[in-house]
N, C-alpha and C. Protein backbone atom coordinates (compact mmCIF):
# COMPACT_ATOMS: atom_id res chain seq x y z
N UNK A 1 -19.22 -20.84 2.92
CA UNK A 1 -19.49 -19.65 3.71
C UNK A 1 -18.19 -19.17 4.36
N UNK A 2 -17.88 -17.86 4.25
CA UNK A 2 -16.65 -17.35 4.83
C UNK A 2 -16.62 -17.51 6.35
N UNK A 3 -15.44 -17.75 6.87
CA UNK A 3 -15.24 -17.91 8.30
C UNK A 3 -15.01 -16.52 8.91
N UNK A 4 -15.97 -16.02 9.72
CA UNK A 4 -15.83 -14.68 10.29
C UNK A 4 -14.58 -14.52 11.15
N UNK A 5 -14.18 -15.58 11.86
CA UNK A 5 -12.99 -15.47 12.70
C UNK A 5 -11.73 -15.35 11.83
N UNK A 6 -11.71 -16.02 10.68
CA UNK A 6 -10.57 -15.90 9.76
C UNK A 6 -10.52 -14.50 9.15
N UNK A 7 -11.69 -13.97 8.81
CA UNK A 7 -11.76 -12.60 8.28
C UNK A 7 -11.19 -11.60 9.29
N UNK A 8 -11.53 -11.79 10.56
CA UNK A 8 -11.03 -10.91 11.62
C UNK A 8 -9.52 -11.04 11.76
N UNK A 9 -9.02 -12.28 11.74
CA UNK A 9 -7.56 -12.49 11.83
C UNK A 9 -6.85 -11.83 10.66
N UNK A 10 -7.41 -11.94 9.47
CA UNK A 10 -6.81 -11.31 8.29
C UNK A 10 -6.79 -9.79 8.42
N UNK A 11 -7.88 -9.23 8.94
CA UNK A 11 -7.97 -7.78 9.12
C UNK A 11 -6.93 -7.30 10.14
N UNK A 12 -6.79 -8.04 11.24
CA UNK A 12 -5.80 -7.69 12.26
C UNK A 12 -4.39 -7.79 11.70
N UNK A 13 -4.13 -8.85 10.95
CA UNK A 13 -2.82 -9.04 10.33
C UNK A 13 -2.52 -7.90 9.35
N UNK A 14 -3.51 -7.51 8.56
CA UNK A 14 -3.34 -6.41 7.62
C UNK A 14 -3.04 -5.10 8.31
N UNK A 15 -3.75 -4.82 9.39
CA UNK A 15 -3.51 -3.59 10.15
C UNK A 15 -2.11 -3.57 10.75
N UNK A 16 -1.67 -4.73 11.23
CA UNK A 16 -0.32 -4.83 11.79
C UNK A 16 0.72 -4.54 10.70
N UNK A 17 0.51 -5.11 9.52
CA UNK A 17 1.42 -4.86 8.40
C UNK A 17 1.47 -3.39 8.02
N UNK A 18 0.31 -2.74 8.03
CA UNK A 18 0.25 -1.31 7.71
C UNK A 18 0.99 -0.49 8.76
N UNK A 19 0.79 -0.83 10.04
CA UNK A 19 1.47 -0.10 11.12
C UNK A 19 2.99 -0.26 11.02
N UNK A 20 3.44 -1.47 10.73
CA UNK A 20 4.88 -1.71 10.57
C UNK A 20 5.44 -0.93 9.38
N UNK A 21 4.67 -0.86 8.31
CA UNK A 21 5.10 -0.12 7.13
C UNK A 21 5.16 1.38 7.41
N UNK A 22 4.19 1.91 8.12
CA UNK A 22 4.20 3.33 8.49
C UNK A 22 5.47 3.64 9.29
N UNK A 23 5.78 2.81 10.26
CA UNK A 23 6.99 3.00 11.07
C UNK A 23 8.24 2.94 10.19
N UNK A 24 8.28 1.97 9.30
CA UNK A 24 9.40 1.79 8.37
C UNK A 24 9.60 3.06 7.53
N UNK A 25 8.51 3.58 6.99
CA UNK A 25 8.59 4.76 6.13
C UNK A 25 9.02 6.01 6.90
N UNK A 26 8.47 6.19 8.09
CA UNK A 26 8.83 7.36 8.90
C UNK A 26 10.32 7.36 9.22
N UNK A 27 10.86 6.18 9.54
CA UNK A 27 12.30 6.08 9.85
C UNK A 27 13.16 6.45 8.65
N UNK A 28 12.59 6.36 7.47
CA UNK A 28 13.33 6.67 6.24
C UNK A 28 12.99 8.05 5.68
N UNK A 29 12.33 8.85 6.50
CA UNK A 29 12.08 10.24 6.12
C UNK A 29 10.83 10.52 5.32
N UNK A 30 9.99 9.53 5.13
CA UNK A 30 8.72 9.76 4.43
C UNK A 30 7.77 10.50 5.37
N UNK A 31 6.90 11.29 4.77
CA UNK A 31 5.82 11.91 5.53
C UNK A 31 4.54 11.15 5.23
N UNK A 32 3.89 10.67 6.26
CA UNK A 32 2.64 9.93 6.09
C UNK A 32 1.50 10.95 6.02
N UNK A 33 0.82 10.99 4.88
CA UNK A 33 -0.27 11.94 4.69
C UNK A 33 -1.61 11.36 5.09
N UNK A 34 -1.80 10.07 4.80
CA UNK A 34 -3.10 9.44 5.10
C UNK A 34 -2.97 7.93 5.06
N UNK A 35 -3.61 7.30 6.00
CA UNK A 35 -3.77 5.84 5.93
C UNK A 35 -5.17 5.59 5.37
N UNK A 36 -5.29 4.53 4.62
CA UNK A 36 -6.57 4.18 4.00
C UNK A 36 -7.12 5.36 3.18
N UNK A 37 -6.31 5.81 2.23
CA UNK A 37 -6.67 6.92 1.34
C UNK A 37 -7.74 6.43 0.36
N UNK A 38 -8.97 6.92 0.56
CA UNK A 38 -10.10 6.47 -0.25
C UNK A 38 -10.34 7.39 -1.43
N UNK A 39 -10.61 6.77 -2.56
CA UNK A 39 -10.98 7.50 -3.78
C UNK A 39 -12.18 6.77 -4.39
N UNK A 40 -12.81 7.34 -5.40
CA UNK A 40 -13.90 6.63 -6.08
C UNK A 40 -13.42 5.34 -6.77
N UNK A 41 -12.11 5.19 -6.92
CA UNK A 41 -11.56 4.04 -7.65
C UNK A 41 -11.00 2.96 -6.74
N UNK A 42 -11.00 3.21 -5.45
CA UNK A 42 -10.47 2.23 -4.51
C UNK A 42 -9.71 2.93 -3.40
N UNK A 43 -9.02 2.12 -2.63
CA UNK A 43 -8.33 2.63 -1.45
C UNK A 43 -6.86 2.24 -1.49
N UNK A 44 -5.99 3.22 -1.26
CA UNK A 44 -4.56 2.95 -1.08
C UNK A 44 -4.34 2.77 0.41
N UNK A 45 -3.56 1.78 0.78
CA UNK A 45 -3.31 1.54 2.21
C UNK A 45 -2.65 2.75 2.87
N UNK A 46 -1.69 3.35 2.16
CA UNK A 46 -0.96 4.50 2.70
C UNK A 46 -0.72 5.51 1.58
N UNK A 47 -0.95 6.77 1.88
CA UNK A 47 -0.53 7.86 1.01
C UNK A 47 0.59 8.57 1.74
N UNK A 48 1.77 8.55 1.16
CA UNK A 48 2.95 9.15 1.79
C UNK A 48 3.60 10.10 0.81
N UNK A 49 4.56 10.85 1.33
CA UNK A 49 5.31 11.76 0.48
C UNK A 49 6.79 11.63 0.81
N UNK A 50 7.59 11.45 -0.23
CA UNK A 50 9.04 11.40 -0.10
C UNK A 50 9.58 12.54 -0.95
N UNK A 51 10.05 13.59 -0.29
CA UNK A 51 10.45 14.79 -1.02
C UNK A 51 9.22 15.39 -1.68
N UNK A 52 9.27 15.58 -3.00
CA UNK A 52 8.13 16.12 -3.75
C UNK A 52 7.24 15.03 -4.33
N UNK A 53 7.62 13.78 -4.15
CA UNK A 53 6.91 12.66 -4.78
C UNK A 53 5.85 12.07 -3.86
N UNK A 54 4.64 11.98 -4.39
CA UNK A 54 3.56 11.31 -3.67
C UNK A 54 3.69 9.81 -3.91
N UNK A 55 3.53 9.03 -2.84
CA UNK A 55 3.67 7.58 -2.92
C UNK A 55 2.37 6.92 -2.49
N UNK A 56 1.76 6.20 -3.41
CA UNK A 56 0.59 5.38 -3.10
C UNK A 56 1.14 4.00 -2.76
N UNK A 57 0.93 3.57 -1.52
CA UNK A 57 1.56 2.35 -1.04
C UNK A 57 0.51 1.26 -0.80
N UNK A 58 0.73 0.12 -1.42
CA UNK A 58 -0.08 -1.08 -1.20
C UNK A 58 0.71 -1.97 -0.24
N UNK A 59 0.08 -2.33 0.87
CA UNK A 59 0.73 -3.18 1.87
C UNK A 59 0.14 -4.58 1.77
N UNK A 60 1.00 -5.57 1.64
CA UNK A 60 0.58 -6.96 1.61
C UNK A 60 1.31 -7.69 2.73
N UNK A 61 0.54 -8.34 3.59
CA UNK A 61 1.09 -9.01 4.76
C UNK A 61 0.72 -10.48 4.72
N UNK A 62 1.69 -11.33 4.99
CA UNK A 62 1.45 -12.77 5.05
C UNK A 62 2.22 -13.36 6.22
N UNK A 63 1.66 -14.39 6.81
CA UNK A 63 2.34 -15.12 7.88
C UNK A 63 3.42 -16.01 7.29
N UNK A 64 3.13 -16.58 6.12
CA UNK A 64 4.11 -17.43 5.45
C UNK A 64 4.02 -17.20 3.95
N UNK A 65 4.97 -17.77 3.23
CA UNK A 65 4.93 -17.63 1.77
C UNK A 65 4.39 -18.89 1.10
N UNK A 66 3.61 -19.66 1.85
CA UNK A 66 3.03 -20.90 1.32
C UNK A 66 2.14 -20.63 0.10
N UNK A 67 1.52 -19.46 0.07
CA UNK A 67 0.65 -19.10 -1.05
C UNK A 67 1.32 -18.04 -1.93
N UNK A 68 2.63 -17.95 -1.86
CA UNK A 68 3.38 -16.96 -2.64
C UNK A 68 3.78 -15.79 -1.77
N UNK A 69 4.67 -14.99 -2.30
CA UNK A 69 5.13 -13.80 -1.58
C UNK A 69 4.02 -12.76 -1.55
N UNK A 70 3.96 -11.97 -0.48
CA UNK A 70 2.90 -10.96 -0.40
C UNK A 70 2.87 -10.03 -1.62
N UNK A 71 4.04 -9.63 -2.08
CA UNK A 71 4.10 -8.69 -3.21
C UNK A 71 3.52 -9.28 -4.49
N UNK A 72 3.48 -10.61 -4.59
CA UNK A 72 2.92 -11.26 -5.78
C UNK A 72 1.40 -11.13 -5.86
N UNK A 73 0.78 -10.68 -4.78
CA UNK A 73 -0.67 -10.54 -4.74
C UNK A 73 -1.16 -9.24 -5.38
N UNK A 74 -0.24 -8.40 -5.84
CA UNK A 74 -0.63 -7.16 -6.50
C UNK A 74 -0.77 -7.46 -7.99
N UNK A 75 -2.01 -7.72 -8.39
CA UNK A 75 -2.29 -8.15 -9.76
C UNK A 75 -2.58 -6.97 -10.69
N UNK A 76 -2.83 -7.27 -11.95
CA UNK A 76 -3.06 -6.23 -12.97
C UNK A 76 -4.27 -5.36 -12.63
N UNK A 77 -5.32 -5.96 -12.11
CA UNK A 77 -6.52 -5.21 -11.75
C UNK A 77 -6.20 -4.19 -10.66
N UNK A 78 -5.44 -4.60 -9.66
CA UNK A 78 -5.07 -3.70 -8.57
C UNK A 78 -4.15 -2.59 -9.09
N UNK A 79 -3.23 -2.92 -9.97
CA UNK A 79 -2.33 -1.91 -10.54
C UNK A 79 -3.13 -0.86 -11.32
N UNK A 80 -4.13 -1.29 -12.06
CA UNK A 80 -4.97 -0.35 -12.82
C UNK A 80 -5.74 0.57 -11.87
N UNK A 81 -6.24 0.01 -10.77
CA UNK A 81 -6.94 0.85 -9.78
C UNK A 81 -6.00 1.91 -9.21
N UNK A 82 -4.75 1.53 -8.96
CA UNK A 82 -3.78 2.49 -8.43
C UNK A 82 -3.49 3.59 -9.45
N UNK A 83 -3.44 3.26 -10.72
CA UNK A 83 -3.24 4.29 -11.75
C UNK A 83 -4.39 5.31 -11.71
N UNK A 84 -5.61 4.81 -11.57
CA UNK A 84 -6.77 5.70 -11.51
C UNK A 84 -6.75 6.54 -10.23
N UNK A 85 -6.29 5.94 -9.14
CA UNK A 85 -6.19 6.70 -7.89
C UNK A 85 -5.18 7.83 -8.02
N UNK A 86 -4.08 7.59 -8.74
CA UNK A 86 -3.06 8.62 -8.94
C UNK A 86 -3.64 9.78 -9.75
N UNK A 87 -4.40 9.47 -10.79
CA UNK A 87 -5.04 10.53 -11.59
C UNK A 87 -6.02 11.33 -10.73
N UNK A 88 -6.76 10.63 -9.89
CA UNK A 88 -7.69 11.29 -8.98
C UNK A 88 -6.94 12.23 -8.04
N UNK A 89 -5.80 11.77 -7.52
CA UNK A 89 -4.99 12.59 -6.62
C UNK A 89 -4.52 13.86 -7.31
N UNK A 90 -4.06 13.74 -8.55
CA UNK A 90 -3.62 14.92 -9.32
C UNK A 90 -4.77 15.90 -9.51
N UNK A 91 -5.94 15.38 -9.85
CA UNK A 91 -7.12 16.25 -10.03
C UNK A 91 -7.47 16.94 -8.72
N UNK A 92 -7.40 16.20 -7.64
CA UNK A 92 -7.75 16.74 -6.33
C UNK A 92 -6.79 17.85 -5.92
N UNK A 93 -5.51 17.67 -6.24
CA UNK A 93 -4.50 18.68 -5.89
C UNK A 93 -4.49 19.84 -6.88
N UNK A 94 -5.15 19.64 -8.03
CA UNK A 94 -5.24 20.69 -9.03
C UNK A 94 -3.98 20.89 -9.83
N UNK A 95 -3.12 19.90 -9.82
CA UNK A 95 -1.87 20.00 -10.57
C UNK A 95 -1.33 18.61 -10.83
N UNK A 96 -0.43 18.54 -11.79
CA UNK A 96 0.24 17.27 -12.05
C UNK A 96 1.42 17.18 -11.09
N UNK A 97 1.46 16.13 -10.32
CA UNK A 97 2.52 15.96 -9.32
C UNK A 97 3.25 14.64 -9.57
N UNK A 98 4.52 14.57 -9.16
CA UNK A 98 5.22 13.29 -9.28
C UNK A 98 4.53 12.27 -8.37
N UNK A 99 4.26 11.11 -8.93
CA UNK A 99 3.55 10.08 -8.18
C UNK A 99 4.20 8.73 -8.45
N UNK A 100 4.26 7.92 -7.42
CA UNK A 100 4.91 6.62 -7.53
C UNK A 100 4.04 5.57 -6.84
N UNK A 101 4.13 4.35 -7.32
CA UNK A 101 3.38 3.24 -6.74
C UNK A 101 4.38 2.31 -6.06
N UNK A 102 4.24 2.16 -4.76
CA UNK A 102 5.14 1.31 -3.99
C UNK A 102 4.37 0.13 -3.41
N UNK A 103 5.09 -0.95 -3.15
CA UNK A 103 4.50 -2.12 -2.51
C UNK A 103 5.35 -2.47 -1.30
N UNK A 104 4.69 -2.67 -0.17
CA UNK A 104 5.36 -3.13 1.04
C UNK A 104 4.95 -4.57 1.28
N UNK A 105 5.93 -5.45 1.26
CA UNK A 105 5.70 -6.88 1.44
C UNK A 105 6.14 -7.24 2.86
N UNK A 106 5.17 -7.54 3.73
CA UNK A 106 5.45 -7.77 5.14
C UNK A 106 5.28 -9.25 5.48
N UNK A 107 6.33 -9.84 6.04
CA UNK A 107 6.29 -11.22 6.52
C UNK A 107 6.90 -11.26 7.92
N UNK A 108 6.93 -12.44 8.51
CA UNK A 108 7.54 -12.59 9.82
C UNK A 108 9.02 -12.21 9.79
N UNK A 109 9.66 -12.36 8.62
CA UNK A 109 11.08 -12.04 8.49
C UNK A 109 11.33 -10.54 8.43
N UNK A 110 10.32 -9.75 8.12
CA UNK A 110 10.49 -8.31 8.05
C UNK A 110 9.77 -7.70 6.86
N UNK A 111 10.24 -6.53 6.46
CA UNK A 111 9.61 -5.77 5.37
C UNK A 111 10.54 -5.73 4.17
N UNK A 112 9.97 -6.03 3.03
CA UNK A 112 10.67 -5.82 1.77
C UNK A 112 9.87 -4.74 1.05
N UNK A 113 10.52 -3.61 0.80
CA UNK A 113 9.83 -2.45 0.25
C UNK A 113 10.26 -2.21 -1.18
N UNK A 114 9.29 -2.12 -2.07
CA UNK A 114 9.55 -1.94 -3.49
C UNK A 114 9.11 -0.54 -3.93
N UNK A 115 10.07 0.36 -4.10
CA UNK A 115 9.76 1.69 -4.63
C UNK A 115 9.52 1.58 -6.13
N UNK A 116 8.49 2.25 -6.60
CA UNK A 116 8.20 2.21 -8.04
C UNK A 116 7.95 0.80 -8.51
N UNK A 117 7.14 0.07 -7.75
CA UNK A 117 6.90 -1.35 -8.02
C UNK A 117 6.25 -1.59 -9.38
N UNK A 118 5.47 -0.62 -9.83
CA UNK A 118 4.84 -0.75 -11.15
C UNK A 118 4.52 0.63 -11.68
N UNK A 119 4.24 0.68 -12.98
CA UNK A 119 3.96 1.96 -13.64
C UNK A 119 2.48 2.05 -13.97
């Protein structure tokens, strides 16, 4: 049976990672369009824009790397969902737009940000 207190700690940790990533992106000139961008195919943690490029950002936060680096948790299934979310975004905007998939890996040491982490 899942531990409700652990679930809450994970949710708080995830929100903290997202907030740190938003701050990181703003300092680098990104425009934050939406947090928790929901589509029929899933949710992107952050939808941002850098110049003309839309960025679907997956944020992974870990206290330690005992179970691997946060960025390693973005598996093939999640990448496929992000591809579908990008298509949905293009349909919603009514045009084909430049779109990129980024991953923000947040640990106690800081943020490692991967632009164009996957295709």
